[in-house]
N, C-alpha and C. Protein backbone atom coordinates (compact mmCIF):
# COMPACT_ATOMS: atom_id res chain seq x y z
N UNK A 1 2.24 -49.04 89.18
CA UNK A 1 2.46 -48.23 90.38
C UNK A 1 3.68 -48.71 91.16
N UNK A 2 4.29 -49.80 90.71
CA UNK A 2 5.46 -50.29 91.45
C UNK A 2 6.61 -49.29 91.40
N UNK A 3 6.68 -48.54 90.31
CA UNK A 3 7.81 -47.62 90.16
C UNK A 3 7.85 -46.59 91.27
N UNK A 4 6.69 -46.27 91.82
CA UNK A 4 6.67 -45.25 92.87
C UNK A 4 7.26 -45.76 94.17
N UNK A 5 7.34 -47.07 94.32
CA UNK A 5 7.80 -47.62 95.60
C UNK A 5 9.30 -47.84 95.64
N UNK A 6 9.98 -47.62 94.53
CA UNK A 6 11.43 -47.84 94.51
C UNK A 6 12.11 -46.84 95.43
N UNK A 7 12.92 -47.36 96.35
CA UNK A 7 13.64 -46.48 97.26
C UNK A 7 15.13 -46.62 97.01
N UNK A 8 15.92 -45.94 97.82
CA UNK A 8 17.38 -46.01 97.71
C UNK A 8 17.85 -45.57 96.34
N UNK A 9 17.34 -44.43 95.88
CA UNK A 9 17.82 -43.88 94.62
C UNK A 9 19.24 -43.38 94.86
N UNK A 10 20.19 -43.80 94.05
CA UNK A 10 21.57 -43.36 94.30
C UNK A 10 21.71 -41.85 94.21
N UNK A 11 22.38 -41.26 95.20
CA UNK A 11 22.56 -39.82 95.19
C UNK A 11 23.73 -39.47 94.28
N UNK A 12 23.62 -38.38 93.55
CA UNK A 12 24.78 -37.94 92.76
C UNK A 12 25.90 -37.52 93.69
N UNK A 13 27.16 -37.75 93.29
CA UNK A 13 28.27 -37.35 94.15
C UNK A 13 28.30 -35.84 94.32
N UNK A 14 28.75 -35.35 95.48
CA UNK A 14 28.81 -33.90 95.67
C UNK A 14 29.78 -33.25 94.70
N UNK A 15 29.43 -32.07 94.26
CA UNK A 15 30.29 -31.37 93.29
C UNK A 15 31.54 -30.86 93.99
N UNK A 16 32.68 -31.14 93.39
CA UNK A 16 33.94 -30.65 93.94
C UNK A 16 34.42 -29.49 93.09
N UNK A 17 34.46 -28.33 93.68
CA UNK A 17 34.95 -27.16 92.94
C UNK A 17 36.09 -26.54 93.71
N UNK A 18 37.13 -26.17 92.99
CA UNK A 18 38.28 -25.56 93.64
C UNK A 18 38.09 -24.05 93.67
N UNK A 19 38.86 -23.41 94.51
CA UNK A 19 38.79 -21.95 94.57
C UNK A 19 39.14 -21.35 93.21
N UNK A 20 40.09 -21.99 92.52
CA UNK A 20 40.50 -21.47 91.21
C UNK A 20 39.32 -21.43 90.25
N UNK A 21 38.60 -22.54 90.14
CA UNK A 21 37.52 -22.59 89.15
C UNK A 21 36.43 -21.59 89.50
N UNK A 22 36.17 -21.44 90.81
CA UNK A 22 35.16 -20.46 91.21
C UNK A 22 35.63 -19.06 90.87
N UNK A 23 36.91 -18.80 91.11
CA UNK A 23 37.45 -17.47 90.82
C UNK A 23 37.40 -17.20 89.32
N UNK A 24 37.72 -18.22 88.53
CA UNK A 24 37.68 -18.04 87.08
C UNK A 24 36.26 -17.75 86.62
N UNK A 25 35.30 -18.47 87.16
CA UNK A 25 33.91 -18.23 86.76
C UNK A 25 33.48 -16.82 87.13
N UNK A 26 33.93 -16.37 88.31
CA UNK A 26 33.55 -15.03 88.75
C UNK A 26 34.12 -13.97 87.82
N UNK A 27 35.41 -14.11 87.49
CA UNK A 27 36.02 -13.10 86.62
C UNK A 27 35.38 -13.13 85.24
N UNK A 28 35.05 -14.34 84.77
CA UNK A 28 34.37 -14.45 83.48
C UNK A 28 33.03 -13.72 83.53
N UNK A 29 32.30 -13.94 84.61
CA UNK A 29 30.99 -13.32 84.77
C UNK A 29 31.11 -11.80 84.77
N UNK A 30 32.15 -11.28 85.45
CA UNK A 30 32.33 -9.83 85.51
C UNK A 30 32.73 -9.28 84.15
N UNK A 31 33.54 -10.04 83.40
CA UNK A 31 33.97 -9.55 82.09
C UNK A 31 32.78 -9.45 81.13
N UNK A 32 31.79 -10.31 81.32
CA UNK A 32 30.63 -10.28 80.43
C UNK A 32 29.65 -9.18 80.84
N UNK A 33 30.02 -8.38 81.81
CA UNK A 33 29.15 -7.27 82.18
C UNK A 33 28.23 -7.60 83.34
N UNK A 34 28.50 -8.70 84.03
CA UNK A 34 27.66 -9.04 85.17
C UNK A 34 27.98 -8.15 86.36
N UNK A 35 27.01 -7.96 87.20
CA UNK A 35 27.24 -7.14 88.40
C UNK A 35 27.04 -7.99 89.62
N UNK A 36 27.91 -7.82 90.60
CA UNK A 36 27.73 -8.51 91.87
C UNK A 36 27.09 -7.51 92.83
N UNK A 37 25.88 -7.82 93.26
CA UNK A 37 25.20 -6.91 94.18
C UNK A 37 25.38 -7.43 95.60
N UNK A 38 25.57 -6.53 96.53
CA UNK A 38 25.76 -6.92 97.91
C UNK A 38 24.40 -6.98 98.59
N UNK A 39 24.13 -8.11 99.22
CA UNK A 39 22.87 -8.27 99.94
C UNK A 39 22.98 -7.51 101.25
N UNK A 40 21.98 -6.71 101.60
CA UNK A 40 22.06 -5.96 102.86
C UNK A 40 22.19 -6.89 104.05
N UNK A 41 23.00 -6.50 105.02
CA UNK A 41 23.24 -7.37 106.17
C UNK A 41 21.95 -7.53 106.97
N UNK A 42 21.83 -8.66 107.63
CA UNK A 42 20.63 -8.93 108.39
C UNK A 42 19.61 -9.71 107.58
N UNK A 43 19.84 -9.85 106.29
CA UNK A 43 18.93 -10.63 105.46
C UNK A 43 19.54 -11.99 105.19
N UNK A 44 18.79 -13.05 105.44
CA UNK A 44 19.23 -14.37 105.02
C UNK A 44 18.13 -14.97 104.16
N UNK A 45 18.46 -15.97 103.37
CA UNK A 45 17.47 -16.56 102.48
C UNK A 45 16.38 -17.30 103.23
N UNK A 46 16.57 -17.52 104.53
CA UNK A 46 15.59 -18.29 105.29
C UNK A 46 14.64 -17.31 105.99
N UNK A 47 13.36 -17.35 105.67
CA UNK A 47 12.43 -16.43 106.34
C UNK A 47 12.30 -16.76 107.82
N UNK A 48 12.10 -15.75 108.61
CA UNK A 48 11.95 -15.96 110.06
C UNK A 48 10.69 -16.78 110.32
N UNK A 49 10.80 -17.70 111.24
CA UNK A 49 9.62 -18.51 111.57
C UNK A 49 8.73 -17.72 112.51
N UNK A 50 7.43 -17.94 112.37
CA UNK A 50 6.49 -17.22 113.22
C UNK A 50 5.65 -18.23 113.99
N UNK A 51 5.12 -17.78 115.12
CA UNK A 51 4.23 -18.63 115.89
C UNK A 51 4.98 -19.61 116.77
N UNK A 52 4.35 -20.74 117.06
CA UNK A 52 4.92 -21.69 118.02
C UNK A 52 6.21 -22.34 117.53
N UNK A 53 6.53 -22.22 116.24
CA UNK A 53 7.74 -22.85 115.73
C UNK A 53 9.00 -22.10 116.14
N UNK A 54 8.83 -20.87 116.63
CA UNK A 54 10.01 -20.06 116.93
C UNK A 54 10.95 -20.75 117.91
N UNK A 55 10.38 -21.44 118.91
CA UNK A 55 11.23 -22.03 119.94
C UNK A 55 12.17 -23.07 119.36
N UNK A 56 11.66 -23.91 118.45
CA UNK A 56 12.49 -24.98 117.90
C UNK A 56 13.06 -24.59 116.54
N UNK A 57 12.88 -23.34 116.14
CA UNK A 57 13.30 -22.94 114.80
C UNK A 57 14.77 -23.23 114.53
N UNK A 58 15.62 -22.97 115.53
CA UNK A 58 17.05 -23.14 115.29
C UNK A 58 17.41 -24.60 115.04
N UNK A 59 16.68 -25.51 115.67
CA UNK A 59 16.99 -26.92 115.47
C UNK A 59 16.52 -27.40 114.10
N UNK A 60 15.45 -26.77 113.57
CA UNK A 60 14.89 -27.25 112.32
C UNK A 60 15.69 -26.80 111.11
N UNK A 61 16.47 -25.72 111.26
CA UNK A 61 17.20 -25.22 110.09
C UNK A 61 18.28 -26.21 109.72
N UNK A 62 18.33 -26.57 108.45
CA UNK A 62 19.32 -27.55 108.02
C UNK A 62 20.56 -26.85 107.51
């Protein structure tokens, strides 16, 4: 059970991507027949908080 107590696991370095590589991936994706769908405005991936959490909701969002 000692393995569970190990802390300070090294974090992987953040991925560095240039605009070029992202653009290339996008064009590749489109050439393969992929479709980019537009998400309707007003929708975010974070569901609205309900109940007493609403007051502090903005502080909790990371």
